[in-house]
Amino acid sequence: MIEKIQNYIQEVIFEFKKVSWPPWEELKGSTIVVLALTAFFAVLLFVTDFILSRLMSLVLGA
């Protein structure tokens, strides 16, 4: 069992060495884009949900 774990770890390290890691500036830029889009869609969903819930309240008279 220990040999299997050691073999697995060695294979993981070997595969990590083959990965093409992006430069730091590119990574920062991509992270900012992801965070900005996530915030945008969160606000968009909130506004849509708020408007639809108000409309449903008006329609159902609650």
N, C-alpha and C. Protein backbone atom coordinates (compact mmCIF):
# COMPACT_ATOMS: atom_id res chain seq x y z
N MET A 1 0.83 -1.19 0.00
CA MET A 1 0.00 0.00 0.00
C MET A 1 0.88 1.26 0.00
N ILE A 2 1.92 1.25 0.80
CA ILE A 2 2.83 2.41 0.86
C ILE A 2 3.50 2.63 -0.50
N GLU A 3 3.84 1.54 -1.18
CA GLU A 3 4.48 1.66 -2.49
C GLU A 3 3.54 2.31 -3.50
N LYS A 4 2.26 1.97 -3.42
CA LYS A 4 1.28 2.56 -4.33
C LYS A 4 1.17 4.07 -4.10
N ILE A 5 1.17 4.46 -2.84
CA ILE A 5 1.08 5.89 -2.51
C ILE A 5 2.33 6.62 -2.99
N GLN A 6 3.48 6.05 -2.76
CA GLN A 6 4.74 6.66 -3.21
C GLN A 6 4.76 6.77 -4.73
N ASN A 7 4.34 5.72 -5.41
CA ASN A 7 4.29 5.73 -6.87
C ASN A 7 3.34 6.81 -7.37
N TYR A 8 2.20 6.93 -6.71
CA TYR A 8 1.22 7.95 -7.10
C TYR A 8 1.82 9.34 -6.95
N ILE A 9 2.47 9.61 -5.83
CA ILE A 9 3.07 10.92 -5.58
C ILE A 9 4.17 11.21 -6.61
N GLN A 10 4.97 10.22 -6.94
CA GLN A 10 6.01 10.41 -7.94
C GLN A 10 5.40 10.74 -9.31
N GLU A 11 4.33 10.07 -9.66
CA GLU A 11 3.67 10.34 -10.93
C GLU A 11 3.04 11.73 -10.96
N VAL A 12 2.47 12.16 -9.84
CA VAL A 12 1.90 13.49 -9.76
C VAL A 12 2.99 14.54 -9.95
N ILE A 13 4.11 14.38 -9.28
CA ILE A 13 5.23 15.31 -9.41
C ILE A 13 5.72 15.34 -10.85
N PHE A 14 5.83 14.18 -11.47
CA PHE A 14 6.27 14.10 -12.87
C PHE A 14 5.32 14.85 -13.79
N GLU A 15 4.01 14.70 -13.57
CA GLU A 15 3.03 15.38 -14.41
C GLU A 15 3.04 16.89 -14.18
N PHE A 16 3.24 17.31 -12.93
CA PHE A 16 3.30 18.74 -12.63
C PHE A 16 4.46 19.41 -13.33
N LYS A 17 5.55 18.69 -13.53
CA LYS A 17 6.70 19.26 -14.21
C LYS A 17 6.41 19.51 -15.69
N LYS A 18 5.42 18.80 -16.25
CA LYS A 18 5.08 18.96 -17.66
C LYS A 18 4.07 20.09 -17.89
N VAL A 19 3.50 20.62 -16.81
CA VAL A 19 2.47 21.65 -16.94
C VAL A 19 3.10 22.97 -17.37
N SER A 20 2.42 23.67 -18.27
CA SER A 20 2.86 24.98 -18.71
C SER A 20 2.15 26.03 -17.84
N TRP A 21 2.85 26.56 -16.86
CA TRP A 21 2.26 27.51 -15.94
C TRP A 21 2.27 28.90 -16.55
N PRO A 22 1.18 29.66 -16.41
CA PRO A 22 1.14 31.02 -16.99
C PRO A 22 2.02 31.97 -16.18
N PRO A 23 2.50 33.03 -16.83
CA PRO A 23 3.27 34.04 -16.09
C PRO A 23 2.37 34.73 -15.06
N TRP A 24 3.01 35.31 -14.05
CA TRP A 24 2.27 35.93 -12.94
C TRP A 24 1.33 37.02 -13.43
N GLU A 25 1.76 37.88 -14.35
CA GLU A 25 0.92 38.97 -14.83
C GLU A 25 -0.33 38.44 -15.54
N GLU A 26 -0.17 37.41 -16.34
CA GLU A 26 -1.31 36.81 -17.03
C GLU A 26 -2.28 36.19 -16.02
N LEU A 27 -1.74 35.56 -15.01
CA LEU A 27 -2.58 34.94 -13.98
C LEU A 27 -3.36 36.00 -13.21
N LYS A 28 -2.71 37.11 -12.87
CA LYS A 28 -3.41 38.20 -12.17
C LYS A 28 -4.53 38.77 -13.04
N GLY A 29 -4.23 38.98 -14.32
CA GLY A 29 -5.24 39.52 -15.24
C GLY A 29 -6.44 38.60 -15.36
N SER A 30 -6.20 37.32 -15.50
CA SER A 30 -7.29 36.35 -15.62
C SER A 30 -8.11 36.30 -14.34
N THR A 31 -7.44 36.38 -13.20
CA THR A 31 -8.14 36.34 -11.92
C THR A 31 -9.05 37.55 -11.77
N ILE A 32 -8.56 38.72 -12.17
CA ILE A 32 -9.37 39.94 -12.08
C ILE A 32 -10.60 39.83 -12.97
N VAL A 33 -10.42 39.31 -14.18
CA VAL A 33 -11.55 39.14 -15.09
C VAL A 33 -12.58 38.19 -14.50
N VAL A 34 -12.14 37.08 -13.94
CA VAL A 34 -13.06 36.10 -13.35
C VAL A 34 -13.82 36.72 -12.18
N LEU A 35 -13.12 37.44 -11.30
CA LEU A 35 -13.78 38.06 -10.15
C LEU A 35 -14.77 39.14 -10.59
N ALA A 36 -14.39 39.94 -11.58
CA ALA A 36 -15.29 40.99 -12.07
C ALA A 36 -16.55 40.40 -12.69
N LEU A 37 -16.38 39.37 -13.52
CA LEU A 37 -17.55 38.75 -14.14
C LEU A 37 -18.44 38.05 -13.11
N THR A 38 -17.83 37.44 -12.12
CA THR A 38 -18.60 36.80 -11.06
C THR A 38 -19.43 37.82 -10.30
N ALA A 39 -18.82 38.94 -9.96
CA ALA A 39 -19.54 40.01 -9.26
C ALA A 39 -20.67 40.56 -10.14
N PHE A 40 -20.38 40.78 -11.42
CA PHE A 40 -21.39 41.30 -12.34
C PHE A 40 -22.60 40.37 -12.41
N PHE A 41 -22.35 39.08 -12.60
CA PHE A 41 -23.47 38.14 -12.72
C PHE A 41 -24.20 37.96 -11.39
N ALA A 42 -23.51 38.09 -10.27
CA ALA A 42 -24.18 38.02 -8.97
C ALA A 42 -25.15 39.18 -8.82
N VAL A 43 -24.71 40.38 -9.18
CA VAL A 43 -25.58 41.55 -9.10
C VAL A 43 -26.74 41.41 -10.09
N LEU A 44 -26.44 40.96 -11.31
CA LEU A 44 -27.48 40.78 -12.31
C LEU A 44 -28.55 39.79 -11.83
N LEU A 45 -28.12 38.68 -11.26
CA LEU A 45 -29.09 37.69 -10.75
C LEU A 45 -29.88 38.24 -9.58
N PHE A 46 -29.23 39.01 -8.71
CA PHE A 46 -29.93 39.61 -7.59
C PHE A 46 -31.02 40.55 -8.08
N VAL A 47 -30.67 41.44 -9.01
CA VAL A 47 -31.64 42.41 -9.53
C VAL A 47 -32.79 41.69 -10.23
N THR A 48 -32.47 40.69 -11.04
CA THR A 48 -33.51 39.93 -11.75
C THR A 48 -34.43 39.24 -10.75
N ASP A 49 -33.88 38.61 -9.75
CA ASP A 49 -34.67 37.93 -8.73
C ASP A 49 -35.55 38.92 -7.97
N PHE A 50 -34.99 40.06 -7.63
CA PHE A 50 -35.73 41.08 -6.90
C PHE A 50 -36.92 41.57 -7.72
N ILE A 51 -36.69 41.89 -8.99
CA ILE A 51 -37.76 42.38 -9.86
C ILE A 51 -38.84 41.32 -10.06
N LEU A 52 -38.42 40.09 -10.32
CA LEU A 52 -39.40 39.03 -10.54
C LEU A 52 -40.20 38.74 -9.27
N SER A 53 -39.58 38.80 -8.11
CA SER A 53 -40.32 38.54 -6.87
C SER A 53 -41.32 39.67 -6.60
N ARG A 54 -40.96 40.92 -6.93
CA ARG A 54 -41.91 42.03 -6.79
C ARG A 54 -43.08 41.87 -7.76
N LEU A 55 -42.79 41.46 -8.99
CA LEU A 55 -43.85 41.25 -9.96
C LEU A 55 -44.79 40.13 -9.51
N MET A 56 -44.24 39.06 -8.99
CA MET A 56 -45.07 37.96 -8.51
C MET A 56 -45.94 38.39 -7.32
N SER A 57 -45.37 39.24 -6.47
CA SER A 57 -46.15 39.75 -5.34
C SER A 57 -47.33 40.58 -5.83
N LEU A 58 -47.09 41.40 -6.86
CA LEU A 58 -48.17 42.21 -7.41
C LEU A 58 -49.23 41.34 -8.07
N VAL A 59 -48.80 40.34 -8.83
CA VAL A 59 -49.73 39.47 -9.56
C VAL A 59 -50.55 38.63 -8.58
N LEU A 60 -49.91 38.10 -7.56
CA LEU A 60 -50.63 37.23 -6.62
C LEU A 60 -51.33 38.02 -5.52
N GLY A 61 -51.03 39.31 -5.40
CA GLY A 61 -51.71 40.14 -4.42
C GLY A 61 -51.28 39.86 -2.99
N ALA A 62 -50.07 39.39 -2.84
CA ALA A 62 -49.63 39.06 -1.47
C ALA A 62 -48.94 40.22 -0.82
